[in-house]
Amino acid sequence: RNDFNKREDIADPLEILQDGYKNTFGDNE
């Protein structure tokens, strides 16, 4: 169960990074 928690930690920031990337590029037309 600890392994799953670690994986979610990586997916959490990853999704936030993608969101920021689109926001910075303004690809959310």
PDB file of N, CA and C in Angstrom:
ATOM      1  N   ARG A   1       0.875  -1.187   0.000  1.00  0.00           N
ATOM      2  CA  ARG A   1       0.000   0.000   0.000  1.00  0.00           C
ATOM      3  C   ARG A   1       0.914   1.240   0.000  1.00  0.00           C
ATOM      4  N   ASN A   2       2.085   1.136   0.542  1.00  0.00           N
ATOM      5  CA  ASN A   2       2.996   2.306   0.566  1.00  0.00           C
ATOM      6  C   ASN A   2       3.470   2.633  -0.849  1.00  0.00           C
ATOM      7  N   ASP A   3       3.613   1.588  -1.633  1.00  0.00           N
ATOM      8  CA  ASP A   3       4.084   1.800  -3.017  1.00  0.00           C
ATOM      9  C   ASP A   3       3.054   2.625  -3.801  1.00  0.00           C
ATOM     10  N   PHE A   4       1.805   2.349  -3.534  1.00  0.00           N
ATOM     11  CA  PHE A   4       0.738   3.063  -4.259  1.00  0.00           C
ATOM     12  C   PHE A   4       0.741   4.543  -3.873  1.00  0.00           C
ATOM     13  N   ASN A   5       0.982   4.779  -2.593  1.00  0.00           N
ATOM     14  CA  ASN A   5       1.005   6.172  -2.099  1.00  0.00           C
ATOM     15  C   ASN A   5       2.120   6.960  -2.784  1.00  0.00           C
ATOM     16  N   LYS A   6       3.248   6.308  -2.959  1.00  0.00           N
ATOM     17  CA  LYS A   6       4.405   6.992  -3.595  1.00  0.00           C
ATOM     18  C   LYS A   6       4.072   7.299  -5.059  1.00  0.00           C
ATOM     19  N   ARG A   7       3.373   6.403  -5.698  1.00  0.00           N
ATOM     20  CA  ARG A   7       3.050   6.593  -7.130  1.00  0.00           C
ATOM     21  C   ARG A   7       2.087   7.780  -7.256  1.00  0.00           C
ATOM     22  N   GLU A   8       1.160   7.882  -6.329  1.00  0.00           N
ATOM     23  CA  GLU A   8       0.187   8.989  -6.400  1.00  0.00           C
ATOM     24  C   GLU A   8       0.909  10.321  -6.187  1.00  0.00           C
ATOM     25  N   ASP A   9       1.939  10.284  -5.385  1.00  0.00           N
ATOM     26  CA  ASP A   9       2.693  11.526  -5.120  1.00  0.00           C
ATOM     27  C   ASP A   9       3.295  12.056  -6.422  1.00  0.00           C
ATOM     28  N   ILE A  10       3.691  11.137  -7.279  1.00  0.00           N
ATOM     29  CA  ILE A  10       4.326  11.551  -8.551  1.00  0.00           C
ATOM     30  C   ILE A  10       3.257  12.016  -9.549  1.00  0.00           C
ATOM     31  N   ALA A  11       2.105  11.354  -9.483  1.00  0.00           N
ATOM     32  CA  ALA A  11       1.031  11.708 -10.437  1.00  0.00           C
ATOM     33  C   ALA A  11       0.398  13.034 -10.011  1.00  0.00           C
ATOM     34  N   ASP A  12       0.434  13.316  -8.732  1.00  0.00           N
ATOM     35  CA  ASP A  12      -0.175  14.567  -8.243  1.00  0.00           C
ATOM     36  C   ASP A  12       0.508  15.781  -8.861  1.00  0.00           C
ATOM     37  N   PRO A  13       1.816  15.927  -8.645  1.00  0.00           N
ATOM     38  CA  PRO A  13       2.561  17.072  -9.202  1.00  0.00           C
ATOM     39  C   PRO A  13       2.588  17.032 -10.723  1.00  0.00           C
ATOM     40  N   LEU A  14       2.536  15.838 -11.271  1.00  0.00           N
ATOM     41  CA  LEU A  14       2.587  15.707 -12.739  1.00  0.00           C
ATOM     42  C   LEU A  14       1.355  16.367 -13.358  1.00  0.00           C
ATOM     43  N   GLU A  15       0.210  16.101 -12.752  1.00  0.00           N
ATOM     44  CA  GLU A  15      -1.030  16.690 -13.297  1.00  0.00           C
ATOM     45  C   GLU A  15      -1.018  18.201 -13.096  1.00  0.00           C
ATOM     46  N   ILE A  16      -0.499  18.630 -11.965  1.00  0.00           N
ATOM     47  CA  ILE A  16      -0.437  20.078 -11.684  1.00  0.00           C
ATOM     48  C   ILE A  16       0.522  20.744 -12.668  1.00  0.00           C
ATOM     49  N   LEU A  17       1.590  20.057 -12.995  1.00  0.00           N
ATOM     50  CA  LEU A  17       2.577  20.625 -13.933  1.00  0.00           C
ATOM     51  C   LEU A  17       1.936  20.786 -15.307  1.00  0.00           C
ATOM     52  N   GLN A  18       1.194  19.783 -15.709  1.00  0.00           N
ATOM     53  CA  GLN A  18       0.534  19.842 -17.031  1.00  0.00           C
ATOM     54  C   GLN A  18      -0.468  20.989 -17.048  1.00  0.00           C
ATOM     55  N   ASP A  19      -1.183  21.144 -15.950  1.00  0.00           N
ATOM     56  CA  ASP A  19      -2.182  22.221 -15.870  1.00  0.00           C
ATOM     57  C   ASP A  19      -1.488  23.576 -15.990  1.00  0.00           C
ATOM     58  N   GLY A  20      -0.380  23.717 -15.302  1.00  0.00           N
ATOM     59  CA  GLY A  20       0.373  24.981 -15.347  1.00  0.00           C
ATOM     60  C   GLY A  20       0.966  25.189 -16.736  1.00  0.00           C
ATOM     61  N   TYR A  21       1.388  24.137 -17.350  1.00  0.00           N
ATOM     62  CA  TYR A  21       1.983  24.233 -18.703  1.00  0.00           C
ATOM     63  C   TYR A  21       0.951  24.785 -19.690  1.00  0.00           C
ATOM     64  N   LYS A  22      -0.255  24.255 -19.601  1.00  0.00           N
ATOM     65  CA  LYS A  22      -1.331  24.713 -20.518  1.00  0.00           C
ATOM     66  C   LYS A  22      -1.699  26.161 -20.180  1.00  0.00           C
ATOM     67  N   ASN A  23      -1.709  26.455 -18.896  1.00  0.00           N
ATOM     68  CA  ASN A  23      -2.066  27.816 -18.472  1.00  0.00           C
ATOM     69  C   ASN A  23      -1.015  28.804 -18.952  1.00  0.00           C
ATOM     70  N   THR A  24       0.237  28.404 -18.849  1.00  0.00           N
ATOM     71  CA  THR A  24       1.330  29.294 -19.272  1.00  0.00           C
ATOM     72  C   THR A  24       1.299  29.492 -20.783  1.00  0.00           C
ATOM     73  N   PHE A  25       1.015  28.434 -21.481  1.00  0.00           N
ATOM     74  CA  PHE A  25       0.981  28.515 -22.949  1.00  0.00           C
ATOM     75  C   PHE A  25      -0.367  29.037 -23.444  1.00  0.00           C
ATOM     76  N   GLY A  26      -1.356  29.013 -22.546  1.00  0.00           N
ATOM     77  CA  GLY A  26      -2.681  29.510 -22.932  1.00  0.00           C
ATOM     78  C   GLY A  26      -3.302  28.599 -23.970  1.00  0.00           C
ATOM     79  N   ASP A  27      -3.075  27.305 -23.842  1.00  0.00           N
ATOM     80  CA  ASP A  27      -3.640  26.357 -24.818  1.00  0.00           C
ATOM     81  C   ASP A  27      -5.076  25.995 -24.411  1.00  0.00           C
ATOM     82  N   ASN A  28      -5.608  26.762 -23.491  1.00  0.00           N
ATOM     83  CA  ASN A  28      -6.975  26.475 -23.010  1.00  0.00           C
ATOM     84  C   ASN A  28      -7.968  27.404 -23.700  1.00  0.00           C
ATOM     85  N   GLU A  29      -7.874  27.489 -25.015  1.00  0.00           N
ATOM     86  CA  GLU A  29      -8.763  28.416 -25.754  1.00  0.00           C
ATOM     87  C   GLU A  29     -10.153  27.816 -25.764  1.00  0.00           C
TER      88      GLU A  29
END
